Structures are given as C-alpha cells and as structure tokens.
Amino acid sequence: MTSSDLPAEGQRDSSAPADTADAPFDDVITLSTSTDADGKVTVTVVGEVDTFTAPVLRASLDTQLEQQPEQLVIDLCGVQFLGSAGLAVLVETQKSARAREVGLTLVASTRAVTRPLEVTGLIDLFTIVDGNA
C-alpha cells in the first residue's frame, strides 16, 4: 500500500463499508460503574483504550473522582489493548486520586494491560491486584 492508496486527509475512505466509516469510536470500549455498600466505586472497562476511547474513560473516571469515594477500583480485566493515551489517563487518574485522598486500585490480569505498564515503568505507580483475587 502506498500513500496514494490512502484517502486524502479529511475525506472518507470510499472503500470502507458505509456503516462503519462514520461509526463513533466509543463503540470499541464499554464502561460500567458499580458502588459497593461500603462506598467503593468500581469502573469496569472492556475493549480497547487508545487515542479515540481514552477521553471516554477519562471523563468517566473524572466523574467518579468528583464524588470523592473512599476507594476507586478500575477493573481492566476486559481490556484487549492499552495504548499510550490509556496509560496517560491512568497516570492522570492516579494524580487526581492522590490529590483528593481517594484510594486507587487497578485490577489487571492480562498481558495486554500489565505489559505496557511494565515496559513504561509505570507499574510501580499503582496498586495492582489480580482479577482472580
């Protein structure tokens, strides 16, 4: 494939199926939130956390932090891809949680999540528990 094979910037790729070409990017991530009786809030993330979906995750986490729960748990067991934008959201959330004195825990058991955290050296910033714990 050469650059001439790619659609010009700002133009729709006419070879892409019409129903997917204009689809919103948030359809590759699903977020759900639950609160325990003790006030612990868990945000469960399923899908891919990349440049397009990270803002959706960040907005959700910011909303939860504004409520000042005792503990915020981010369950990443359903994440198949964690890109640099997703890593940035996690670091920013850690900083915000610390500033608000909210405990933050990541639930991560898949290589898709633990590997990027290890490679970047960010793993030591977080309290991480296995999804089976």
Protein backbone atom coordinates (compact mmCIF):
# COMPACT_ATOMS: atom_id res chain seq x y z
CA MET A 1 0.00 0.00 0.00
CA THR A 2 1.31 3.42 -0.89
CA SER A 3 0.23 6.82 0.33
CA SER A 4 -1.70 7.22 -2.92
CA ASP A 5 -3.84 4.26 -1.85
CA LEU A 6 -4.97 6.13 1.25
CA PRO A 7 -7.87 8.58 1.22
CA ALA A 8 -6.90 12.24 1.30
CA GLU A 9 -6.97 13.83 4.72
CA GLY A 10 -10.49 14.80 5.71
CA GLN A 11 -12.08 12.54 3.08
CA ARG A 12 -13.94 9.37 3.78
CA ASP A 13 -12.41 6.15 2.54
CA SER A 14 -14.92 5.12 -0.12
CA SER A 15 -13.69 1.51 0.03
CA ALA A 16 -14.74 1.23 3.69
CA PRO A 17 -18.23 -0.11 4.34
CA ALA A 18 -20.62 2.82 4.73
CA ASP A 19 -21.99 1.61 8.05
CA THR A 20 -18.55 1.58 9.71
CA ALA A 21 -16.91 4.57 8.08
CA ASP A 22 -18.91 7.07 10.12
CA ALA A 23 -19.32 4.94 13.26
CA PRO A 24 -18.35 6.59 16.54
CA PHE A 25 -15.11 5.43 18.10
CA ASP A 26 -16.61 4.79 21.53
CA ASP A 27 -18.12 1.55 20.26
CA VAL A 28 -14.82 -0.23 20.92
CA ILE A 29 -14.99 0.47 24.66
CA THR A 30 -17.65 -0.31 27.23
CA LEU A 31 -17.66 1.19 30.72
CA SER A 32 -19.81 0.19 33.66
CA THR A 33 -19.79 1.54 37.18
CA SER A 34 -20.88 -0.05 40.43
CA THR A 35 -20.76 1.04 44.05
CA ASP A 36 -20.41 -1.37 46.99
CA ALA A 37 -22.27 -0.95 50.26
CA ASP A 38 -19.04 0.41 51.78
CA GLY A 39 -18.83 3.14 49.11
CA LYS A 40 -16.08 1.56 46.99
CA VAL A 41 -16.65 2.52 43.35
CA THR A 42 -15.60 0.10 40.60
CA VAL A 43 -15.32 1.19 36.98
CA THR A 44 -15.14 -1.85 34.69
CA VAL A 45 -13.51 -1.28 31.30
CA VAL A 46 -13.99 -3.64 28.36
CA GLY A 47 -12.44 -3.13 24.93
CA GLU A 48 -9.55 -1.05 23.65
CA VAL A 49 -8.17 2.02 25.38
CA ASP A 50 -6.49 4.10 22.68
CA THR A 51 -6.39 7.68 21.41
CA PHE A 52 -10.05 7.59 20.43
CA THR A 53 -11.50 5.87 23.51
CA ALA A 54 -9.25 7.30 26.24
CA PRO A 55 -11.27 10.55 26.53
CA VAL A 56 -14.40 8.49 27.25
CA LEU A 57 -12.57 6.63 30.02
CA ARG A 58 -11.08 9.82 31.41
CA ALA A 59 -14.49 11.53 31.59
CA SER A 60 -15.95 8.56 33.44
CA LEU A 61 -13.07 8.37 35.93
CA ASP A 62 -13.13 12.14 36.49
CA THR A 63 -16.85 11.97 37.23
CA GLN A 64 -16.27 9.25 39.81
CA LEU A 65 -13.38 11.12 41.45
CA GLU A 66 -15.53 14.24 41.77
CA GLN A 67 -17.80 12.18 44.04
CA GLN A 68 -14.80 11.61 46.37
CA PRO A 69 -15.30 7.89 47.06
CA GLU A 70 -13.13 6.25 49.70
CA GLN A 71 -11.79 3.83 47.09
CA LEU A 72 -11.83 3.80 43.28
CA VAL A 73 -11.17 0.50 41.55
CA ILE A 74 -10.50 0.38 37.81
CA ASP A 75 -11.16 -3.15 36.54
CA LEU A 76 -9.09 -3.59 33.38
CA CYS A 77 -9.51 -7.37 33.01
CA GLY A 78 -11.62 -6.90 29.88
CA VAL A 79 -9.14 -4.59 28.15
CA GLN A 80 -7.61 -6.08 25.00
CA PHE A 81 -5.38 -3.09 24.17
CA LEU A 82 -3.91 -0.35 26.36
CA GLY A 83 -2.18 2.35 24.33
CA SER A 84 -0.19 5.39 25.40
CA ALA A 85 -3.33 7.51 25.66
CA GLY A 86 -4.80 4.96 28.05
CA LEU A 87 -1.60 4.93 30.10
CA ALA A 88 -1.77 8.73 30.31
CA VAL A 89 -5.36 8.54 31.59
CA LEU A 90 -4.30 6.07 34.30
CA VAL A 91 -1.41 8.31 35.41
CA GLU A 92 -3.64 11.40 35.45
CA THR A 93 -6.28 9.50 37.42
CA GLN A 94 -3.64 8.38 39.93
CA LYS A 95 -2.57 12.01 40.44
CA SER A 96 -6.17 13.19 40.83
CA ALA A 97 -7.00 10.38 43.24
CA ARG A 98 -3.96 11.15 45.36
CA ALA A 99 -4.82 14.87 45.45
CA ARG A 100 -8.35 14.00 46.61
CA GLU A 101 -7.11 11.34 49.05
CA VAL A 102 -9.02 8.64 47.20
CA GLY A 103 -7.50 5.16 47.21
CA LEU A 104 -6.91 3.82 43.69
CA THR A 105 -6.56 0.19 42.72
CA LEU A 106 -6.18 -1.35 39.28
CA VAL A 107 -7.49 -4.85 38.63
CA ALA A 108 -5.32 -6.29 35.89
CA SER A 109 -4.52 -9.84 34.98
CA THR A 110 -3.97 -9.75 31.24
CA ARG A 111 -0.74 -9.15 29.39
CA ALA A 112 -2.49 -6.52 27.25
CA VAL A 113 -2.59 -4.32 30.37
CA THR A 114 0.35 -5.41 32.50
CA ARG A 115 2.92 -5.38 29.69
CA PRO A 116 2.52 -1.68 28.73
CA LEU A 117 2.66 -0.75 32.42
CA GLU A 118 5.85 -2.80 32.91
CA VAL A 119 7.61 -1.60 29.74
CA THR A 120 6.99 2.07 30.56
CA GLY A 121 7.98 1.66 34.21
CA LEU A 122 4.56 2.92 35.31
CA ILE A 123 3.60 -0.31 37.06
CA ASP A 124 5.20 0.85 40.32
CA LEU A 125 2.88 3.89 40.47
CA PHE A 126 -0.17 1.72 41.01
CA THR A 127 -1.64 -0.75 43.45
CA ILE A 128 -2.47 -3.66 41.18
CA VAL A 129 -4.41 -6.76 42.09
CA ASP A 130 -5.05 -9.84 40.00
CA GLY A 131 -8.57 -10.21 38.64
CA ASN A 132 -8.84 -13.55 40.44
CA ALA A 133 -8.10 -12.05 43.84
